[in-house]
Protein backbone atom coordinates (compact mmCIF):
# COMPACT_ATOMS: atom_id res chain seq x y z
CA UNK A 1 -0.09 0.08 -0.09
CA UNK A 2 1.45 3.46 -0.99
CA UNK A 3 1.22 6.42 1.42
CA UNK A 4 -0.52 8.38 -1.12
CA UNK A 5 -3.56 6.39 -0.91
CA UNK A 6 -4.22 7.29 2.94
CA UNK A 7 -7.56 8.76 1.27
CA UNK A 8 -8.56 5.19 1.02
CA UNK A 9 -8.66 4.72 4.80
CA UNK A 10 -11.50 4.92 7.13
CA UNK A 11 -10.29 5.70 10.68
CA UNK A 12 -12.68 4.67 13.66
CA UNK A 13 -11.62 6.42 16.52
CA UNK A 14 -13.58 5.05 19.30
CA UNK A 15 -14.38 5.19 23.01
CA UNK A 16 -14.82 7.74 25.55
CA UNK A 17 -13.74 11.56 24.85
CA UNK A 18 -10.65 12.70 26.73
CA UNK A 19 -10.70 16.19 25.42
CA UNK A 20 -7.19 17.01 25.59
CA UNK A 21 -6.22 13.42 24.33
CA UNK A 22 -8.89 12.91 22.04
CA UNK A 23 -8.09 16.25 20.20
CA UNK A 24 -4.32 15.20 19.96
CA UNK A 25 -5.44 11.88 18.49
CA UNK A 26 -7.74 13.33 15.66
CA UNK A 27 -4.98 16.32 14.55
CA UNK A 28 -2.52 13.46 14.24
CA UNK A 29 -4.90 11.28 11.91
CA UNK A 30 -5.28 14.45 9.99
CA UNK A 31 -1.55 15.15 9.75
CA UNK A 32 -0.24 11.76 9.02
CA UNK A 33 -3.13 10.10 6.82
CA UNK A 34 -4.44 13.08 4.80
CA UNK A 35 -7.89 12.72 3.08
CA UNK A 36 -8.62 9.65 5.37
CA UNK A 37 -12.22 9.52 6.47
CA UNK A 38 -12.38 10.02 10.23
CA UNK A 39 -15.42 8.35 12.03
CA UNK A 40 -15.77 9.29 15.74
CA UNK A 41 -17.65 6.62 17.43
CA UNK A 42 -18.56 7.34 21.15
CA UNK A 43 -21.37 7.96 23.43
CA UNK A 44 -24.64 9.79 23.60
CA UNK A 45 -24.14 12.98 25.84
CA UNK A 46 -20.21 13.26 25.11
CA UNK A 47 -18.77 16.56 24.84
CA UNK A 48 -17.63 16.60 21.23
CA UNK A 49 -17.25 20.51 20.60
CA UNK A 50 -14.06 21.39 18.87
CA UNK A 51 -13.38 18.02 17.71
CA UNK A 52 -12.28 17.38 14.22
CA UNK A 53 -14.08 14.66 12.43
CA UNK A 54 -16.08 13.47 9.03
CA UNK A 55 -18.86 11.19 10.60
CA UNK A 56 -20.00 10.98 14.11
CA UNK A 57 -21.69 8.22 15.73
CA UNK A 58 -23.24 8.63 19.29
CA UNK A 59 -24.66 5.39 20.49
CA UNK A 60 -26.22 4.32 23.74
CA UNK A 61 -23.51 3.64 26.37
CA UNK A 62 -23.76 -0.35 27.32
CA UNK A 63 -22.42 0.32 30.66
CA UNK A 64 -19.47 -1.46 32.08
CA UNK A 65 -19.15 -4.04 34.92
CA UNK A 66 -16.76 -3.07 38.20
CA UNK A 67 -13.22 -5.00 38.06
CA UNK A 68 -12.01 -3.46 41.40
CA UNK A 69 -13.28 -0.94 43.77
CA UNK A 70 -11.70 0.84 46.40
CA UNK A 71 -11.83 4.17 48.30
CA UNK A 72 -9.27 5.45 45.67
CA UNK A 73 -10.59 4.25 42.56
CA UNK A 74 -12.88 2.14 40.71
CA UNK A 75 -11.72 0.10 37.63
CA UNK A 76 -14.39 -0.95 35.08
CA UNK A 77 -14.38 -3.47 32.34
CA UNK A 78 -14.91 -1.49 29.08
CA UNK A 79 -14.95 -4.81 27.01
CA UNK A 80 -18.70 -4.06 25.79
CA UNK A 81 -18.01 -0.17 25.20
CA UNK A 82 -15.12 -1.05 23.10
CA UNK A 83 -16.83 -3.80 21.05
CA UNK A 84 -20.07 -1.69 20.39
CA UNK A 85 -18.35 1.68 19.42
CA UNK A 86 -16.02 -0.54 17.17
CA UNK A 87 -18.75 -2.18 15.40
CA UNK A 88 -20.68 1.08 15.06
CA UNK A 89 -17.70 2.63 13.61
CA UNK A 90 -17.01 -0.23 11.18
CA UNK A 91 -20.54 -0.29 9.88
CA UNK A 92 -20.49 3.48 8.84
CA UNK A 93 -16.85 3.18 7.38
CA UNK A 94 -16.78 3.68 3.66
CA UNK A 95 -13.19 3.12 2.59
CA UNK A 96 -11.37 0.04 1.25
CA UNK A 97 -9.09 0.14 4.26
CA UNK A 98 -9.87 0.79 7.87
CA UNK A 99 -8.08 1.44 11.04
CA UNK A 100 -9.34 1.15 14.56
CA UNK A 101 -7.87 3.41 17.30
CA UNK A 102 -8.41 4.29 20.69
CA UNK A 103 -9.22 7.93 21.44
CA UNK A 104 -6.44 8.71 23.14
CA UNK A 105 -4.05 7.22 20.88
CA UNK A 106 -1.26 9.53 18.97
CA UNK A 107 0.21 9.14 15.77
CA UNK A 108 3.85 10.68 15.04
CA UNK A 109 4.06 9.13 11.36
CA UNK A 110 2.49 6.80 8.89
CA UNK A 111 5.56 4.42 8.86
CA UNK A 112 3.36 1.52 9.89
CA UNK A 113 1.87 1.51 6.24
CA UNK A 114 5.45 0.44 5.12
CA UNK A 115 4.79 -3.00 6.74
CA UNK A 116 1.19 -3.80 5.24
CA UNK A 117 3.10 -5.14 2.00
CA UNK A 118 5.70 -7.12 4.19
CA UNK A 119 5.37 -10.45 5.72
CA UNK A 120 2.96 -12.04 3.15
CA UNK A 121 3.97 -15.51 3.37
CA UNK A 122 1.42 -17.90 4.91
CA UNK A 123 0.79 -21.56 5.46
CA UNK A 124 -2.45 -23.22 4.63
CA UNK A 125 -3.37 -23.45 8.40
CA UNK A 126 -5.74 -21.05 10.28
CA UNK A 127 -5.51 -18.25 7.27
CA UNK A 128 -8.66 -16.33 7.83
CA UNK A 129 -8.15 -12.65 6.72
CA UNK A 130 -7.49 -11.60 2.96
CA UNK A 131 -4.59 -9.74 3.90
CA UNK A 132 -2.84 -9.40 7.26
CA UNK A 133 -3.90 -7.05 9.75
CA UNK A 134 -1.51 -4.75 11.55
CA UNK A 135 -1.37 -4.43 15.31
CA UNK A 136 0.81 -3.42 18.15
CA UNK A 137 3.19 -5.32 20.40
CA UNK A 138 1.54 -3.77 23.33
CA UNK A 139 -0.34 -5.85 24.43
CA UNK A 140 -0.27 -8.79 21.79
CA UNK A 141 0.95 -11.42 24.51
CA UNK A 142 1.74 -15.16 24.62
CA UNK A 143 2.45 -15.20 28.47
CA UNK A 144 2.13 -13.26 31.47
CA UNK A 145 3.50 -13.33 35.09
CA UNK A 146 0.54 -13.72 37.49
CA UNK A 147 0.60 -11.85 40.51
CA UNK A 148 -0.49 -14.74 42.40
CA UNK A 149 2.08 -17.57 41.01
CA UNK A 150 5.51 -17.46 40.39
CA UNK A 151 5.63 -18.96 37.22
CA UNK A 152 4.48 -17.15 34.01
CA UNK A 153 1.45 -18.34 32.41
CA UNK A 154 0.34 -18.78 28.69
CA UNK A 155 -2.43 -16.51 27.40
CA UNK A 156 -3.67 -17.79 23.66
CA UNK A 157 -5.29 -15.48 21.25
CA UNK A 158 -4.27 -12.20 23.31
CA UNK A 159 -3.87 -9.78 20.29
CA UNK A 160 -3.71 -6.18 21.23
CA UNK A 161 -6.73 -4.03 20.60
CA UNK A 162 -5.30 -0.39 20.90
CA UNK A 163 -5.09 -0.17 17.19
CA UNK A 164 -5.52 -2.26 14.22
CA UNK A 165 -5.04 -1.71 10.45
CA UNK A 166 -6.15 -3.57 7.39
CA UNK A 167 -8.59 -4.17 4.69
CA UNK A 168 -12.03 -2.96 6.04
CA UNK A 169 -13.64 -6.53 5.27
CA UNK A 170 -11.02 -7.95 7.42
CA UNK A 171 -11.82 -5.98 10.48
CA UNK A 172 -15.33 -6.71 9.85
CA UNK A 173 -14.38 -10.46 10.34
CA UNK A 174 -12.58 -9.74 13.26
CA UNK A 175 -15.06 -7.61 15.28
CA UNK A 176 -18.51 -7.47 13.75
CA UNK A 177 -20.00 -11.06 14.71
CA UNK A 178 -18.72 -11.13 17.91
CA UNK A 179 -21.22 -10.91 20.66
CA UNK A 180 -21.41 -8.42 24.00
CA UNK A 181 -19.97 -9.93 26.94
CA UNK A 182 -22.89 -11.10 29.65
CA UNK A 183 -22.31 -8.82 32.06
CA UNK A 184 -21.78 -8.83 35.11
CA UNK A 185 -20.97 -12.65 34.75
CA UNK A 186 -18.26 -12.30 32.41
CA UNK A 187 -16.26 -10.00 34.46
CA UNK A 188 -17.05 -12.02 37.90
CA UNK A 189 -16.35 -15.23 36.08
CA UNK A 190 -13.58 -16.40 38.33
CA UNK A 191 -15.28 -15.50 41.66
CA UNK A 192 -17.85 -18.13 40.95
CA UNK A 193 -17.62 -21.21 43.22
CA UNK A 194 -17.61 -23.91 40.16
CA UNK A 195 -14.51 -21.55 38.91
CA UNK A 196 -12.61 -20.66 41.83
CA UNK A 197 -10.26 -23.72 41.72
CA UNK A 198 -8.78 -22.63 38.42
CA UNK A 199 -5.67 -20.54 37.68
CA UNK A 200 -6.51 -17.60 35.93
CA UNK A 201 -3.66 -15.79 34.32
CA UNK A 202 -5.07 -12.60 35.41
CA UNK A 203 -4.54 -12.86 39.13
CA UNK A 204 -6.70 -10.79 41.07
CA UNK A 205 -8.71 -9.89 38.00
CA UNK A 206 -11.45 -12.30 37.49
CA UNK A 207 -12.84 -11.87 34.23
CA UNK A 208 -13.52 -14.85 31.77
CA UNK A 209 -11.14 -13.50 29.09
CA UNK A 210 -9.43 -10.27 28.73
CA UNK A 211 -11.23 -7.92 26.21
CA UNK A 212 -8.25 -8.66 23.67
CA UNK A 213 -8.29 -12.35 24.23
CA UNK A 214 -12.32 -12.34 24.11
CA UNK A 215 -12.05 -10.63 20.87
CA UNK A 216 -9.05 -12.75 19.57
CA UNK A 217 -10.65 -16.25 20.59
CA UNK A 218 -14.03 -15.01 19.67
CA UNK A 219 -12.90 -14.40 16.17
CA UNK A 220 -11.19 -17.64 15.16
CA UNK A 221 -13.58 -20.00 17.32
CA UNK A 222 -15.95 -18.74 14.99
CA UNK A 223 -14.14 -19.54 12.03
CA UNK A 224 -12.17 -22.91 12.93
CA UNK A 225 -13.82 -25.90 14.43
CA UNK A 226 -11.09 -27.13 16.05
CA UNK A 227 -10.36 -23.71 18.29
CA UNK A 228 -12.04 -23.97 21.31
CA UNK A 229 -11.24 -22.45 24.93
CA UNK A 230 -13.38 -22.87 28.11
CA UNK A 231 -11.98 -19.81 29.36
CA UNK A 232 -8.65 -18.03 30.15
CA UNK A 233 -7.40 -20.80 32.34
CA UNK A 234 -7.46 -22.99 29.27
CA UNK A 235 -3.83 -22.63 27.97
CA UNK A 236 -2.56 -25.96 26.52
CA UNK A 237 0.63 -26.26 24.61
CA UNK A 238 -1.64 -27.45 21.93
CA UNK A 239 -3.91 -24.15 21.86
CA UNK A 240 -0.62 -22.05 22.17
CA UNK A 241 0.57 -23.46 18.89
CA UNK A 242 -2.54 -22.99 17.22
CA UNK A 243 -2.68 -19.38 18.44
CA UNK A 244 1.15 -18.93 17.11
CA UNK A 245 0.01 -19.98 13.82
CA UNK A 246 -3.15 -17.79 13.71
CA UNK A 247 -1.08 -14.80 14.88
CA UNK A 248 1.67 -15.19 12.02
CA UNK A 249 -0.78 -16.13 9.37
CA UNK A 250 -3.10 -13.20 9.81
CA UNK A 251 -1.50 -10.40 11.78
CA UNK A 252 1.73 -8.38 11.41
CA UNK A 253 3.10 -6.85 14.99
CA UNK A 254 5.10 -3.79 15.34
CA UNK A 255 6.56 -1.82 18.20
CA UNK A 256 6.62 2.03 18.46
CA UNK A 257 10.03 1.71 16.34
CA UNK A 258 8.25 0.55 13.31
CA UNK A 259 4.65 2.15 13.75
CA UNK A 260 5.06 5.54 14.97
CA UNK A 261 1.82 5.24 17.37
CA UNK A 262 1.86 5.74 20.89
CA UNK A 263 -0.48 6.27 24.15
CA UNK A 264 0.29 9.09 26.51
CA UNK A 265 -1.19 6.94 29.60
CA UNK A 266 1.59 4.45 29.22
CA UNK A 267 5.02 6.50 28.77
CA UNK A 268 6.59 2.97 27.86
CA UNK A 269 4.42 2.83 24.84
CA UNK A 270 7.44 4.81 22.88
CA UNK A 271 9.91 2.27 24.28
CA UNK A 272 8.44 -1.14 24.92
CA UNK A 273 11.25 -2.47 27.19
CA UNK A 274 10.49 0.24 29.48
CA UNK A 275 7.22 -1.92 30.55
CA UNK A 276 9.58 -4.03 32.25
CA UNK A 277 9.70 -7.83 32.83
CA UNK A 278 6.01 -8.01 30.92
CA UNK A 279 8.39 -7.16 27.79
CA UNK A 280 9.47 -10.89 27.66
CA UNK A 281 5.87 -12.14 27.42
CA UNK A 282 4.89 -9.89 24.47
CA UNK A 283 5.01 -10.51 20.63
CA UNK A 284 7.60 -7.72 20.23
CA UNK A 285 9.07 -7.11 16.75
CA UNK A 286 11.63 -9.50 17.26
CA UNK A 287 9.50 -12.42 18.37
CA UNK A 288 7.12 -11.77 15.71
CA UNK A 289 10.06 -11.85 13.25
CA UNK A 290 11.14 -15.11 14.66
CA UNK A 291 7.79 -16.90 14.58
CA UNK A 292 7.07 -15.83 10.91
CA UNK A 293 10.65 -17.23 10.06
CA UNK A 294 9.95 -20.63 11.71
CA UNK A 295 6.17 -20.99 10.57
CA UNK A 296 5.98 -19.08 7.24
CA UNK A 297 8.97 -18.40 5.69
CA UNK A 298 12.36 -20.40 6.44
CA UNK A 299 14.31 -18.20 4.00
CA UNK A 300 13.19 -14.92 5.66
CA UNK A 301 16.23 -12.83 6.73
CA UNK A 302 15.55 -11.45 10.22
CA UNK A 303 16.17 -7.69 10.78
CA UNK A 304 15.88 -7.73 14.50
CA UNK A 305 19.13 -8.39 16.33
CA UNK A 306 19.40 -11.67 18.75
CA UNK A 307 18.44 -10.49 22.38
CA UNK A 308 19.70 -12.41 25.09
CA UNK A 309 16.50 -11.23 27.10
CA UNK A 310 14.38 -13.84 25.41
CA UNK A 311 17.14 -16.41 25.18
CA UNK A 312 17.75 -16.38 28.93
CA UNK A 313 14.28 -15.51 30.59
CA UNK A 314 15.87 -14.92 34.05
CA UNK A 315 18.39 -12.70 32.60
CA UNK A 316 15.87 -10.62 30.92
CA UNK A 317 13.64 -10.44 34.04
CA UNK A 318 16.39 -8.91 36.13
CA UNK A 319 17.48 -6.69 33.16
CA UNK A 320 14.12 -5.28 32.60
CA UNK A 321 13.35 -4.66 36.26
CA UNK A 322 15.89 -1.93 35.66
CA UNK A 323 14.29 -0.48 32.91
CA UNK A 324 10.94 -0.74 34.57
CA UNK A 325 12.41 1.48 37.54
CA UNK A 326 13.77 3.94 35.24
CA UNK A 327 10.09 4.14 33.37
CA UNK A 328 8.75 4.86 36.98
CA UNK A 329 11.10 7.68 37.33
CA UNK A 330 10.15 9.28 33.82
CA UNK A 331 6.54 9.09 34.28
CA UNK A 332 5.16 12.56 34.43
CA UNK A 333 2.43 11.55 36.87
CA UNK A 334 5.04 10.67 39.37
CA UNK A 335 5.18 12.86 42.38
CA UNK A 336 8.45 14.08 44.17
CA UNK A 337 8.53 11.27 46.79
CA UNK A 338 7.95 8.52 44.08
CA UNK A 339 10.91 9.90 41.99
CA UNK A 340 12.86 9.81 45.36
CA UNK A 341 12.42 6.20 45.71
CA UNK A 342 13.17 5.26 42.14
CA UNK A 343 16.59 7.29 42.41
CA UNK A 344 17.54 5.97 45.97
CA UNK A 345 15.97 2.58 46.19
CA UNK A 346 14.31 1.15 43.10
CA UNK A 347 17.19 1.64 40.30
CA UNK A 348 20.20 1.21 42.71
CA UNK A 349 18.78 -1.99 44.16
CA UNK A 350 17.52 -3.61 40.84
CA UNK A 351 20.91 -2.66 39.32
CA UNK A 352 23.06 -4.00 42.23
CA UNK A 353 21.04 -7.10 42.11
CA UNK A 354 21.55 -7.49 38.34
CA UNK A 355 25.33 -6.89 38.57
CA UNK A 356 25.54 -9.25 41.50
CA UNK A 357 24.10 -11.87 39.49
CA UNK A 358 25.67 -11.49 36.16
CA UNK A 359 29.00 -10.01 37.18
CA UNK A 360 31.26 -12.23 34.85
């Protein structure tokens, strides 16, 4: 796809309006995707003054179940909000290509388009879309370190939902036949007596699937009869291999260095290593290239350098802890005491620990 064809793209900007971030999001789309159709898909009653878009969809808010509630904050599961606003936007889209983005994402370039014609080799297994869909590495996962278990747990079909780009028909295939989650049962799934004994990868968060996993699994289970998951605790090696084939045959995974797209809410979205040890469990660009070469094209010449953090998980975990403390120091929301804690405790202790273990 050539960059001059950006007029052939419908961009669905979906979700709640965050005035400062949504304005920046829309401006960045106008700047880097000139001529693209911008569809703003949000909720009735939203403040949409001074927002630059071509088409507006105001849906009735389906609501959200509560994941966590404390005196300090309430965390909601916005799975149905995301799904409904995305489906409504895709229904309105009129161009050949479509891009679904969160309403607080920022584009700094259009370089993700350079990758649309790459990684075209496929196998006969689990090829679904007409062309591969581009997604970000954050948070396209294959495992996660659970907060109540020591080991990393596999999480099949966890494809990032921050943004997706591809043929409009392919994004419709991915999203538009997915049913809304049955709430609050979906979000409270692992609190139910019959499910309490299971090891959910998400620790204290008790939803049946994460939103990303629900969208990914639902799509491929609809189209391939041999793909079945009872819930997020269902993560066999066989299922993981099916997911790997689904991923490399249907998606292209990019980091910020390749895409130029980031989220202010997560400062490490400009350098994924600063997400800390969870970087090990991402389908970052290196790991995507590795799996693509293994499954699709054995003659493919990898562009990423070999990285010891993937070959030696303990080494990677300890090194990335340093990155994570540096990231916390640089967070705009960190107060003075939090910054001091990282300067005098977090960074020095993680660095000393790393040097002690790998002082050869």
